[in-house]
PDB file of N, CA and C in Angstrom:
ATOM      1  N   UNK A   1      91.101 130.749  -6.110  1.00  0.00           N
ATOM      2  CA  UNK A   1      90.831 130.609  -7.530  1.00  0.00           C
ATOM      3  C   UNK A   1      91.720 131.524  -8.356  1.00  0.00           C
ATOM      4  N   UNK A   2      92.063 132.683  -7.818  1.00  0.00           N
ATOM      5  CA  UNK A   2      92.946 133.582  -8.559  1.00  0.00           C
ATOM      6  C   UNK A   2      94.316 132.953  -8.780  1.00  0.00           C
ATOM      7  N   UNK A   3      94.800 132.215  -7.802  1.00  0.00           N
ATOM      8  CA  UNK A   3      96.092 131.552  -7.943  1.00  0.00           C
ATOM      9  C   UNK A   3      95.998 130.445  -8.999  1.00  0.00           C
ATOM     10  N   UNK A   4      94.910 129.670  -9.006  1.00  0.00           N
ATOM     11  CA  UNK A   4      94.733 128.645 -10.027  1.00  0.00           C
ATOM     12  C   UNK A   4      94.651 129.248 -11.423  1.00  0.00           C
ATOM     13  N   UNK A   5      93.915 130.331 -11.561  1.00  0.00           N
ATOM     14  CA  UNK A   5      93.812 131.005 -12.853  1.00  0.00           C
ATOM     15  C   UNK A   5      95.174 131.537 -13.271  1.00  0.00           C
ATOM     16  N   UNK A   6      95.914 132.099 -12.335  1.00  0.00           N
ATOM     17  CA  UNK A   6      97.243 132.622 -12.626  1.00  0.00           C
ATOM     18  C   UNK A   6      98.180 131.519 -13.121  1.00  0.00           C
ATOM     19  N   UNK A   7      98.189 130.389 -12.454  1.00  0.00           N
ATOM     20  CA  UNK A   7      99.062 129.283 -12.847  1.00  0.00           C
ATOM     21  C   UNK A   7      98.653 128.729 -14.216  1.00  0.00           C
ATOM     22  N   UNK A   8      97.358 128.578 -14.427  1.00  0.00           N
ATOM     23  CA  UNK A   8      96.894 128.022 -15.710  1.00  0.00           C
ATOM     24  C   UNK A   8      97.162 128.978 -16.866  1.00  0.00           C
ATOM     25  N   UNK A   9      96.936 130.270 -16.667  1.00  0.00           N
ATOM     26  CA  UNK A   9      97.252 131.223 -17.743  1.00  0.00           C
ATOM     27  C   UNK A   9      98.751 131.287 -17.992  1.00  0.00           C
ATOM     28  N   UNK A  10      99.545 131.166 -16.947  1.00  0.00           N
ATOM     29  CA  UNK A  10     100.997 131.156 -17.116  1.00  0.00           C
ATOM     30  C   UNK A  10     101.485 129.970 -17.917  1.00  0.00           C
ATOM     31  N   UNK A  11     100.793 128.844 -17.812  1.00  0.00           N
ATOM     32  CA  UNK A  11     101.193 127.639 -18.544  1.00  0.00           C
ATOM     33  C   UNK A  11     100.574 127.564 -19.934  1.00  0.00           C
ATOM     34  N   UNK A  12      99.662 128.451 -20.261  1.00  0.00           N
ATOM     35  CA  UNK A  12      98.971 128.378 -21.545  1.00  0.00           C
ATOM     36  C   UNK A  12      99.748 129.122 -22.629  1.00  0.00           C
ATOM     37  N   UNK A  13      99.193 129.094 -23.826  1.00  0.00           N
ATOM     38  CA  UNK A  13      99.810 129.793 -24.951  1.00  0.00           C
ATOM     39  C   UNK A  13      99.474 131.279 -24.948  1.00  0.00           C
ATOM     40  N   UNK A  14      98.624 131.703 -24.058  1.00  0.00           N
ATOM     41  CA  UNK A  14      98.249 133.116 -23.963  1.00  0.00           C
ATOM     42  C   UNK A  14      98.517 133.639 -22.549  1.00  0.00           C
ATOM     43  N   UNK A  15      99.807 133.841 -22.208  1.00  0.00           N
ATOM     44  CA  UNK A  15     100.127 134.274 -20.840  1.00  0.00           C
ATOM     45  C   UNK A  15      99.812 135.741 -20.577  1.00  0.00           C
ATOM     46  N   UNK A  16      99.335 136.469 -21.582  1.00  0.00           N
ATOM     47  CA  UNK A  16      99.028 137.880 -21.394  1.00  0.00           C
ATOM     48  C   UNK A  16      97.846 138.119 -20.480  1.00  0.00           C
ATOM     49  N   UNK A  17      97.036 137.102 -20.256  1.00  0.00           N
ATOM     50  CA  UNK A  17      95.864 137.255 -19.398  1.00  0.00           C
ATOM     51  C   UNK A  17      96.186 137.084 -17.919  1.00  0.00           C
ATOM     52  N   UNK A  18      97.442 136.821 -17.579  1.00  0.00           N
ATOM     53  CA  UNK A  18      97.803 136.634 -16.175  1.00  0.00           C
ATOM     54  C   UNK A  18      97.668 137.918 -15.367  1.00  0.00           C
ATOM     55  N   UNK A  19      97.740 139.068 -16.032  1.00  0.00           N
ATOM     56  CA  UNK A  19      97.683 140.332 -15.290  1.00  0.00           C
ATOM     57  C   UNK A  19      96.344 140.509 -14.575  1.00  0.00           C
ATOM     58  N   UNK A  20      95.263 140.009 -15.158  1.00  0.00           N
ATOM     59  CA  UNK A  20      93.957 140.098 -14.495  1.00  0.00           C
ATOM     60  C   UNK A  20      93.965 139.316 -13.186  1.00  0.00           C
ATOM     61  N   UNK A  21      94.484 138.105 -13.221  1.00  0.00           N
ATOM     62  CA  UNK A  21      94.522 137.287 -12.007  1.00  0.00           C
ATOM     63  C   UNK A  21      95.449 137.906 -10.958  1.00  0.00           C
ATOM     64  N   UNK A  22      96.555 138.486 -11.396  1.00  0.00           N
ATOM     65  CA  UNK A  22      97.480 139.120 -10.454  1.00  0.00           C
ATOM     66  C   UNK A  22      96.826 140.327  -9.794  1.00  0.00           C
ATOM     67  N   UNK A  23      96.179 141.179 -10.588  1.00  0.00           N
ATOM     68  CA  UNK A  23      95.540 142.378 -10.033  1.00  0.00           C
ATOM     69  C   UNK A  23      94.437 142.016  -9.052  1.00  0.00           C
ATOM     70  N   UNK A  24      93.594 141.066  -9.415  1.00  0.00           N
ATOM     71  CA  UNK A  24      92.503 140.685  -8.514  1.00  0.00           C
ATOM     72  C   UNK A  24      93.048 140.016  -7.251  1.00  0.00           C
ATOM     73  N   UNK A  25      94.123 139.262  -7.380  1.00  0.00           N
ATOM     74  CA  UNK A  25      94.745 138.642  -6.216  1.00  0.00           C
ATOM     75  C   UNK A  25      95.315 139.702  -5.274  1.00  0.00           C
ATOM     76  N   UNK A  26      95.948 140.734  -5.819  1.00  0.00           N
ATOM     77  CA  UNK A  26      96.508 141.808  -4.997  1.00  0.00           C
ATOM     78  C   UNK A  26      95.389 142.596  -4.320  1.00  0.00           C
ATOM     79  N   UNK A  27      94.315 142.917  -5.069  1.00  0.00           N
ATOM     80  CA  UNK A  27      93.204 143.657  -4.470  1.00  0.00           C
ATOM     81  C   UNK A  27      92.531 142.858  -3.362  1.00  0.00           C
ATOM     82  N   UNK A  28      92.366 141.562  -3.565  1.00  0.00           N
ATOM     83  CA  UNK A  28      91.762 140.725  -2.523  1.00  0.00           C
ATOM     84  C   UNK A  28      92.672 140.630  -1.302  1.00  0.00           C
ATOM     85  N   UNK A  29      93.980 140.546  -1.529  1.00  0.00           N
ATOM     86  CA  UNK A  29      94.917 140.477  -0.401  1.00  0.00           C
ATOM     87  C   UNK A  29      94.920 141.793   0.386  1.00  0.00           C
ATOM     88  N   UNK A  30      94.831 142.920  -0.313  1.00  0.00           N
ATOM     89  CA  UNK A  30      94.769 144.202   0.380  1.00  0.00           C
ATOM     90  C   UNK A  30      93.481 144.342   1.188  1.00  0.00           C
ATOM     91  N   UNK A  31      92.364 143.922   0.612  1.00  0.00           N
ATOM     92  CA  UNK A  31      91.098 143.976   1.345  1.00  0.00           C
ATOM     93  C   UNK A  31      91.144 143.061   2.569  1.00  0.00           C
ATOM     94  N   UNK A  32      91.735 141.878   2.411  1.00  0.00           N
ATOM     95  CA  UNK A  32      91.864 140.963   3.536  1.00  0.00           C
ATOM     96  C   UNK A  32      92.764 141.547   4.621  1.00  0.00           C
ATOM     97  N   UNK A  33      93.842 142.216   4.222  1.00  0.00           N
ATOM     98  CA  UNK A  33      94.745 142.821   5.200  1.00  0.00           C
ATOM     99  C   UNK A  33      94.060 143.960   5.953  1.00  0.00           C
ATOM    100  N   UNK A  34      93.268 144.760   5.251  1.00  0.00           N
ATOM    101  CA  UNK A  34      92.560 145.861   5.915  1.00  0.00           C
ATOM    102  C   UNK A  34      91.574 145.316   6.925  1.00  0.00           C
ATOM    103  N   UNK A  35      90.787 144.310   6.512  1.00  0.00           N
ATOM    104  CA  UNK A  35      89.795 143.745   7.435  1.00  0.00           C
ATOM    105  C   UNK A  35      90.454 142.947   8.553  1.00  0.00           C
ATOM    106  N   UNK A  36      91.522 142.198   8.235  1.00  0.00           N
ATOM    107  CA  UNK A  36      92.168 141.362   9.237  1.00  0.00           C
ATOM    108  C   UNK A  36      92.896 142.148  10.308  1.00  0.00           C
ATOM    109  N   UNK A  37      93.511 143.260   9.925  1.00  0.00           N
ATOM    110  CA  UNK A  37      94.252 144.078  10.886  1.00  0.00           C
ATOM    111  C   UNK A  37      93.395 145.139  11.554  1.00  0.00           C
ATOM    112  N   UNK A  38      92.142 145.240  11.150  1.00  0.00           N
ATOM    113  CA  UNK A  38      91.252 146.225  11.755  1.00  0.00           C
ATOM    114  C   UNK A  38      91.603 147.655  11.386  1.00  0.00           C
ATOM    115  N   UNK A  39      92.100 147.857  10.176  1.00  0.00           N
ATOM    116  CA  UNK A  39      92.504 149.188   9.752  1.00  0.00           C
ATOM    117  C   UNK A  39      91.352 150.014   9.199  1.00  0.00           C
ATOM    118  N   UNK A  40      90.182 149.437   9.034  1.00  0.00           N
ATOM    119  CA  UNK A  40      89.041 150.145   8.485  1.00  0.00           C
ATOM    120  C   UNK A  40      88.650 151.398   9.249  1.00  0.00           C
ATOM    121  N   UNK A  41      88.517 151.332  10.578  1.00  0.00           N
ATOM    122  CA  UNK A  41      88.133 152.533  11.337  1.00  0.00           C
ATOM    123  C   UNK A  41      89.184 153.647  11.320  1.00  0.00           C
ATOM    124  N   UNK A  42      90.414 153.340  10.972  1.00  0.00           N
ATOM    125  CA  UNK A  42      91.454 154.373  10.940  1.00  0.00           C
ATOM    126  C   UNK A  42      91.324 155.286   9.717  1.00  0.00           C
ATOM    127  N   UNK A  43      90.598 154.822   8.694  1.00  0.00           N
ATOM    128  CA  UNK A  43      90.373 155.612   7.490  1.00  0.00           C
ATOM    129  C   UNK A  43      88.881 155.883   7.343  1.00  0.00           C
ATOM    130  N   UNK A  44      88.360 156.867   8.065  1.00  0.00           N
ATOM    131  CA  UNK A  44      86.911 157.090   8.051  1.00  0.00           C
ATOM    132  C   UNK A  44      86.391 157.678   6.739  1.00  0.00           C
ATOM    133  N   UNK A  45      87.270 158.208   5.887  1.00  0.00           N
ATOM    134  CA  UNK A  45      86.816 158.783   4.628  1.00  0.00           C
ATOM    135  C   UNK A  45      86.471 157.721   3.586  1.00  0.00           C
ATOM    136  N   UNK A  46      86.943 156.505   3.786  1.00  0.00           N
ATOM    137  CA  UNK A  46      86.699 155.424   2.837  1.00  0.00           C
ATOM    138  C   UNK A  46      85.531 154.583   3.345  1.00  0.00           C
ATOM    139  N   UNK A  47      84.535 154.395   2.519  1.00  0.00           N
ATOM    140  CA  UNK A  47      83.406 153.517   2.866  1.00  0.00           C
ATOM    141  C   UNK A  47      83.789 152.106   2.412  1.00  0.00           C
ATOM    142  N   UNK A  48      84.176 151.258   3.362  1.00  0.00           N
ATOM    143  CA  UNK A  48      84.746 149.961   3.030  1.00  0.00           C
ATOM    144  C   UNK A  48      83.719 149.010   2.444  1.00  0.00           C
ATOM    145  N   UNK A  49      82.455 149.173   2.782  1.00  0.00           N
ATOM    146  CA  UNK A  49      81.425 148.325   2.188  1.00  0.00           C
ATOM    147  C   UNK A  49      81.304 148.544   0.687  1.00  0.00           C
ATOM    148  N   UNK A  50      81.266 149.811   0.273  1.00  0.00           N
ATOM    149  CA  UNK A  50      81.188 150.111  -1.157  1.00  0.00           C
ATOM    150  C   UNK A  50      82.486 149.760  -1.869  1.00  0.00           C
ATOM    151  N   UNK A  51      83.616 149.926  -1.188  1.00  0.00           N
ATOM    152  CA  UNK A  51      84.896 149.575  -1.793  1.00  0.00           C
ATOM    153  C   UNK A  51      84.949 148.081  -2.104  1.00  0.00           C
ATOM    154  N   UNK A  52      84.526 147.250  -1.170  1.00  0.00           N
ATOM    155  CA  UNK A  52      84.507 145.808  -1.388  1.00  0.00           C
ATOM    156  C   UNK A  52      83.498 145.438  -2.472  1.00  0.00           C
ATOM    157  N   UNK A  53      82.346 146.095  -2.485  1.00  0.00           N
ATOM    158  CA  UNK A  53      81.335 145.826  -3.499  1.00  0.00           C
ATOM    159  C   UNK A  53      81.859 146.156  -4.896  1.00  0.00           C
ATOM    160  N   UNK A  54      82.484 147.312  -5.058  1.00  0.00           N
ATOM    161  CA  UNK A  54      83.008 147.708  -6.366  1.00  0.00           C
ATOM    162  C   UNK A  54      84.131 146.774  -6.808  1.00  0.00           C
ATOM    163  N   UNK A  55      84.985 146.344  -5.871  1.00  0.00           N
ATOM    164  CA  UNK A  55      86.042 145.388  -6.202  1.00  0.00           C
ATOM    165  C   UNK A  55      85.450 144.088  -6.719  1.00  0.00           C
ATOM    166  N   UNK A  56      84.395 143.629  -6.079  1.00  0.00           N
ATOM    167  CA  UNK A  56      83.755 142.373  -6.498  1.00  0.00           C
ATOM    168  C   UNK A  56      83.084 142.509  -7.863  1.00  0.00           C
ATOM    169  N   UNK A  57      82.408 143.622  -8.108  1.00  0.00           N
ATOM    170  CA  UNK A  57      81.728 143.806  -9.392  1.00  0.00           C
ATOM    171  C   UNK A  57      82.736 143.892 -10.531  1.00  0.00           C
ATOM    172  N   UNK A  58      83.801 144.671 -10.339  1.00  0.00           N
ATOM    173  CA  UNK A  58      84.810 144.802 -11.384  1.00  0.00           C
ATOM    174  C   UNK A  58      85.504 143.464 -11.638  1.00  0.00           C
ATOM    175  N   UNK A  59      85.863 142.748 -10.583  1.00  0.00           N
ATOM    176  CA  UNK A  59      86.486 141.437 -10.752  1.00  0.00           C
ATOM    177  C   UNK A  59      85.567 140.452 -11.442  1.00  0.00           C
ATOM    178  N   UNK A  60      84.282 140.473 -11.085  1.00  0.00           N
ATOM    179  CA  UNK A  60      83.303 139.582 -11.709  1.00  0.00           C
ATOM    180  C   UNK A  60      83.216 139.838 -13.206  1.00  0.00           C
ATOM    181  N   UNK A  61      83.033 141.083 -13.579  1.00  0.00           N
ATOM    182  CA  UNK A  61      82.896 141.418 -14.997  1.00  0.00           C
ATOM    183  C   UNK A  61      84.162 141.094 -15.784  1.00  0.00           C
ATOM    184  N   UNK A  62      85.322 141.445 -15.246  1.00  0.00           N
ATOM    185  CA  UNK A  62      86.565 141.187 -15.964  1.00  0.00           C
ATOM    186  C   UNK A  62      86.869 139.699 -16.096  1.00  0.00           C
ATOM    187  N   UNK A  63      86.621 138.924 -15.034  1.00  0.00           N
ATOM    188  CA  UNK A  63      86.842 137.484 -15.132  1.00  0.00           C
ATOM    189  C   UNK A  63      85.894 136.838 -16.139  1.00  0.00           C
ATOM    190  N   UNK A  64      84.622 137.233 -16.116  1.00  0.00           N
ATOM    191  CA  UNK A  64      83.663 136.650 -17.053  1.00  0.00           C
ATOM    192  C   UNK A  64      84.007 136.999 -18.498  1.00  0.00           C
ATOM    193  N   UNK A  65      84.325 138.256 -18.767  1.00  0.00           N
ATOM    194  CA  UNK A  65      84.660 138.671 -20.131  1.00  0.00           C
ATOM    195  C   UNK A  65      85.933 137.989 -20.619  1.00  0.00           C
ATOM    196  N   UNK A  66      86.973 137.996 -19.802  1.00  0.00           N
ATOM    197  CA  UNK A  66      88.235 137.388 -20.193  1.00  0.00           C
ATOM    198  C   UNK A  66      88.088 135.882 -20.399  1.00  0.00           C
ATOM    199  N   UNK A  67      87.343 135.232 -19.537  1.00  0.00           N
ATOM    200  CA  UNK A  67      87.164 133.783 -19.665  1.00  0.00           C
ATOM    201  C   UNK A  67      86.387 133.437 -20.930  1.00  0.00           C
ATOM    202  N   UNK A  68      85.380 134.210 -21.250  1.00  0.00           N
ATOM    203  CA  UNK A  68      84.632 133.947 -22.479  1.00  0.00           C
ATOM    204  C   UNK A  68      85.499 134.180 -23.714  1.00  0.00           C
ATOM    205  N   UNK A  69      86.342 135.201 -23.703  1.00  0.00           N
ATOM    206  CA  UNK A  69      87.254 135.442 -24.816  1.00  0.00           C
ATOM    207  C   UNK A  69      88.205 134.272 -24.994  1.00  0.00           C
ATOM    208  N   UNK A  70      88.751 133.765 -23.903  1.00  0.00           N
ATOM    209  CA  UNK A  70      89.709 132.661 -23.981  1.00  0.00           C
ATOM    210  C   UNK A  70      89.018 131.370 -24.416  1.00  0.00           C
ATOM    211  N   UNK A  71      87.821 131.107 -23.907  1.00  0.00           N
ATOM    212  CA  UNK A  71      87.114 129.882 -24.303  1.00  0.00           C
ATOM    213  C   UNK A  71      86.775 129.916 -25.789  1.00  0.00           C
ATOM    214  N   UNK A  72      86.359 131.067 -26.294  1.00  0.00           N
ATOM    215  CA  UNK A  72      85.972 131.162 -27.698  1.00  0.00           C
ATOM    216  C   UNK A  72      87.186 131.162 -28.619  1.00  0.00           C
ATOM    217  N   UNK A  73      88.256 131.857 -28.238  1.00  0.00           N
ATOM    218  CA  UNK A  73      89.364 132.060 -29.160  1.00  0.00           C
ATOM    219  C   UNK A  73      90.529 131.111 -29.070  1.00  0.00           C
ATOM    220  N   UNK A  74      90.765 130.476 -27.964  1.00  0.00           N
ATOM    221  CA  UNK A  74      91.964 129.655 -27.791  1.00  0.00           C
ATOM    222  C   UNK A  74      91.583 128.197 -27.599  1.00  0.00           C
ATOM    223  N   UNK A  75      92.491 127.314 -28.020  1.00  0.00           N
ATOM    224  CA  UNK A  75      92.188 125.886 -27.956  1.00  0.00           C
ATOM    225  C   UNK A  75      93.246 125.061 -27.233  1.00  0.00           C
ATOM    226  N   UNK A  76      94.018 125.649 -26.341  1.00  0.00           N
ATOM    227  CA  UNK A  76      94.966 124.835 -25.579  1.00  0.00           C
ATOM    228  C   UNK A  76      94.365 124.442 -24.237  1.00  0.00           C
ATOM    229  N   UNK A  77      94.848 123.353 -23.686  1.00  0.00           N
ATOM    230  CA  UNK A  77      94.263 122.797 -22.468  1.00  0.00           C
ATOM    231  C   UNK A  77      94.396 123.695 -21.257  1.00  0.00           C
ATOM    232  N   UNK A  78      95.585 124.283 -21.063  1.00  0.00           N
ATOM    233  CA  UNK A  78      95.794 125.143 -19.896  1.00  0.00           C
ATOM    234  C   UNK A  78      94.952 126.410 -19.995  1.00  0.00           C
ATOM    235  N   UNK A  79      94.820 126.955 -21.198  1.00  0.00           N
ATOM    236  CA  UNK A  79      93.989 128.143 -21.380  1.00  0.00           C
ATOM    237  C   UNK A  79      92.528 127.853 -21.113  1.00  0.00           C
ATOM    238  N   UNK A  80      92.057 126.678 -21.556  1.00  0.00           N
ATOM    239  CA  UNK A  80      90.670 126.287 -21.299  1.00  0.00           C
ATOM    240  C   UNK A  80      90.433 126.076 -19.808  1.00  0.00           C
ATOM    241  N   UNK A  81      91.388 125.458 -19.129  1.00  0.00           N
ATOM    242  CA  UNK A  81      91.252 125.260 -17.681  1.00  0.00           C
ATOM    243  C   UNK A  81      91.239 126.599 -16.952  1.00  0.00           C
ATOM    244  N   UNK A  82      92.098 127.524 -17.381  1.00  0.00           N
ATOM    245  CA  UNK A  82      92.117 128.845 -16.767  1.00  0.00           C
ATOM    246  C   UNK A  82      90.800 129.568 -17.010  1.00  0.00           C
ATOM    247  N   UNK A  83      90.233 129.409 -18.205  1.00  0.00           N
ATOM    248  CA  UNK A  83      88.959 130.059 -18.513  1.00  0.00           C
ATOM    249  C   UNK A  83      87.825 129.481 -17.671  1.00  0.00           C
ATOM    250  N   UNK A  84      87.836 128.174 -17.457  1.00  0.00           N
ATOM    251  CA  UNK A  84      86.800 127.559 -16.623  1.00  0.00           C
ATOM    252  C   UNK A  84      86.930 128.030 -15.174  1.00  0.00           C
ATOM    253  N   UNK A  85      88.156 128.056 -14.655  1.00  0.00           N
ATOM    254  CA  UNK A  85      88.362 128.569 -13.305  1.00  0.00           C
ATOM    255  C   UNK A  85      88.023 130.055 -13.233  1.00  0.00           C
ATOM    256  N   UNK A  86      88.298 130.795 -14.305  1.00  0.00           N
ATOM    257  CA  UNK A  86      87.944 132.211 -14.357  1.00  0.00           C
ATOM    258  C   UNK A  86      86.442 132.417 -14.347  1.00  0.00           C
ATOM    259  N   UNK A  87      85.704 131.564 -15.069  1.00  0.00           N
ATOM    260  CA  UNK A  87      84.243 131.643 -15.023  1.00  0.00           C
ATOM    261  C   UNK A  87      83.730 131.369 -13.614  1.00  0.00           C
ATOM    262  N   UNK A  88      84.305 130.367 -12.963  1.00  0.00           N
ATOM    263  CA  UNK A  88      83.908 130.053 -11.591  1.00  0.00           C
ATOM    264  C   UNK A  88      84.240 131.216 -10.654  1.00  0.00           C
ATOM    265  N   UNK A  89      85.413 131.829 -10.833  1.00  0.00           N
ATOM    266  CA  UNK A  89      85.785 132.981 -10.008  1.00  0.00           C
ATOM    267  C   UNK A  89      84.853 134.156 -10.278  1.00  0.00           C
ATOM    268  N   UNK A  90      84.480 134.358 -11.525  1.00  0.00           N
ATOM    269  CA  UNK A  90      83.552 135.436 -11.850  1.00  0.00           C
ATOM    270  C   UNK A  90      82.193 135.237 -11.214  1.00  0.00           C
ATOM    271  N   UNK A  91      81.714 134.002 -11.226  1.00  0.00           N
ATOM    272  CA  UNK A  91      80.424 133.699 -10.606  1.00  0.00           C
ATOM    273  C   UNK A  91      80.497 133.905  -9.092  1.00  0.00           C
ATOM    274  N   UNK A  92      81.586 133.452  -8.478  1.00  0.00           N
ATOM    275  CA  UNK A  92      81.729 133.627  -7.026  1.00  0.00           C
ATOM    276  C   UNK A  92      81.894 135.093  -6.645  1.00  0.00           C
ATOM    277  N   UNK A  93      82.606 135.863  -7.455  1.00  0.00           N
ATOM    278  CA  UNK A  93      82.720 137.294  -7.171  1.00  0.00           C
ATOM    279  C   UNK A  93      81.382 138.000  -7.363  1.00  0.00           C
ATOM    280  N   UNK A  94      80.596 137.554  -8.335  1.00  0.00           N
ATOM    281  CA  UNK A  94      79.252 138.114  -8.503  1.00  0.00           C
ATOM    282  C   UNK A  94      78.373 137.825  -7.307  1.00  0.00           C
ATOM    283  N   UNK A  95      78.458 136.604  -6.786  1.00  0.00           N
ATOM    284  CA  UNK A  95      77.690 136.261  -5.590  1.00  0.00           C
ATOM    285  C   UNK A  95      78.175 137.073  -4.391  1.00  0.00           C
ATOM    286  N   UNK A  96      79.481 137.261  -4.279  1.00  0.00           N
ATOM    287  CA  UNK A  96      80.030 138.069  -3.201  1.00  0.00           C
ATOM    288  C   UNK A  96      79.544 139.512  -3.305  1.00  0.00           C
ATOM    289  N   UNK A  97      79.483 140.039  -4.520  1.00  0.00           N
ATOM    290  CA  UNK A  97      78.959 141.395  -4.708  1.00  0.00           C
ATOM    291  C   UNK A  97      77.483 141.451  -4.325  1.00  0.00           C
ATOM    292  N   UNK A  98      76.744 140.403  -4.622  1.00  0.00           N
ATOM    293  CA  UNK A  98      75.317 140.360  -4.297  1.00  0.00           C
ATOM    294  C   UNK A  98      75.089 140.376  -2.789  1.00  0.00           C
ATOM    295  N   UNK A  99      75.888 139.615  -2.046  1.00  0.00           N
ATOM    296  CA  UNK A  99      75.661 139.547  -0.597  1.00  0.00           C
ATOM    297  C   UNK A  99      76.305 140.706   0.157  1.00  0.00           C
ATOM    298  N   UNK A 100      77.228 141.440  -0.473  1.00  0.00           N
ATOM    299  CA  UNK A 100      77.873 142.552   0.236  1.00  0.00           C
ATOM    300  C   UNK A 100      77.373 143.909  -0.215  1.00  0.00           C
ATOM    301  N   UNK A 101      76.300 143.963  -0.985  1.00  0.00           N
ATOM    302  CA  UNK A 101      75.758 145.253  -1.408  1.00  0.00           C
ATOM    303  C   UNK A 101      75.368 146.050  -0.168  1.00  0.00           C
ATOM    304  N   UNK A 102      76.032 147.178   0.081  1.00  0.00           N
ATOM    305  CA  UNK A 102      75.805 147.912   1.334  1.00  0.00           C
ATOM    306  C   UNK A 102      74.382 148.414   1.525  1.00  0.00           C
ATOM    307  N   UNK A 103      73.656 148.726   0.475  1.00  0.00           N
ATOM    308  CA  UNK A 103      72.307 149.268   0.656  1.00  0.00           C
ATOM    309  C   UNK A 103      71.307 148.198   1.056  1.00  0.00           C
ATOM    310  N   UNK A 104      71.629 146.933   0.882  1.00  0.00           N
ATOM    311  CA  UNK A 104      70.718 145.852   1.267  1.00  0.00           C
ATOM    312  C   UNK A 104      70.905 145.419   2.702  1.00  0.00           C
ATOM    313  N   UNK A 105      71.982 145.836   3.312  1.00  0.00           N
ATOM    314  CA  UNK A 105      72.245 145.451   4.685  1.00  0.00           C
ATOM    315  C   UNK A 105      71.347 146.275   5.605  1.00  0.00           C
ATOM    316  N   UNK A 106      70.897 145.648   6.653  1.00  0.00           N
ATOM    317  CA  UNK A 106      69.970 146.320   7.569  1.00  0.00           C
ATOM    318  C   UNK A 106      70.629 147.456   8.323  1.00  0.00           C
ATOM    319  N   UNK A 107      69.816 148.430   8.660  1.00  0.00           N
ATOM    320  CA  UNK A 107      70.293 149.563   9.445  1.00  0.00           C
ATOM    321  C   UNK A 107      69.985 149.311  10.907  1.00  0.00           C
ATOM    322  N   UNK A 108      70.900 149.761  11.751  1.00  0.00           N
ATOM    323  CA  UNK A 108      70.677 149.616  13.186  1.00  0.00           C
ATOM    324  C   UNK A 108      70.131 150.929  13.737  1.00  0.00           C
ATOM    325  N   UNK A 109      69.384 150.828  14.769  1.00  0.00           N
ATOM    326  CA  UNK A 109      68.799 152.012  15.385  1.00  0.00           C
ATOM    327  C   UNK A 109      69.872 152.818  16.092  1.00  0.00           C
ATOM    328  N   UNK A 110      69.746 154.113  16.033  1.00  0.00           N
ATOM    329  CA  UNK A 110      70.692 154.998  16.706  1.00  0.00           C
ATOM    330  C   UNK A 110      70.458 154.961  18.208  1.00  0.00           C
ATOM    331  N   UNK A 111      71.534 155.049  18.941  1.00  0.00           N
ATOM    332  CA  UNK A 111      71.434 155.046  20.404  1.00  0.00           C
ATOM    333  C   UNK A 111      70.830 156.360  20.871  1.00  0.00           C
ATOM    334  N   UNK A 112      69.860 156.263  21.768  1.00  0.00           N
ATOM    335  CA  UNK A 112      69.210 157.473  22.289  1.00  0.00           C
ATOM    336  C   UNK A 112      69.445 157.628  23.763  1.00  0.00           C
TER     337      UNK A 112
END
């Protein structure tokens, strides 16, 4: 969805909003690279659950706010499409934040 939002904002009359899609795309790619390569245990000072949760919350809020601004203020087709995809991305990031909240995940018993 970040790529769709990026392309639509790039084609619209308000290309200044592309930076949000680029930043969220880079953060998601970095998180995917850390999880995919198994680099999480190499950095024990970083709590990766909270890092992913904060990334999702910030992305959710920024996508929702930016999309509402574009829907209310701009009237071109590409900008409206980008705002709709941005709203969808914001909702999905909110759901991702909801399911990845580290304090809601169950604790395992310590080995004795």
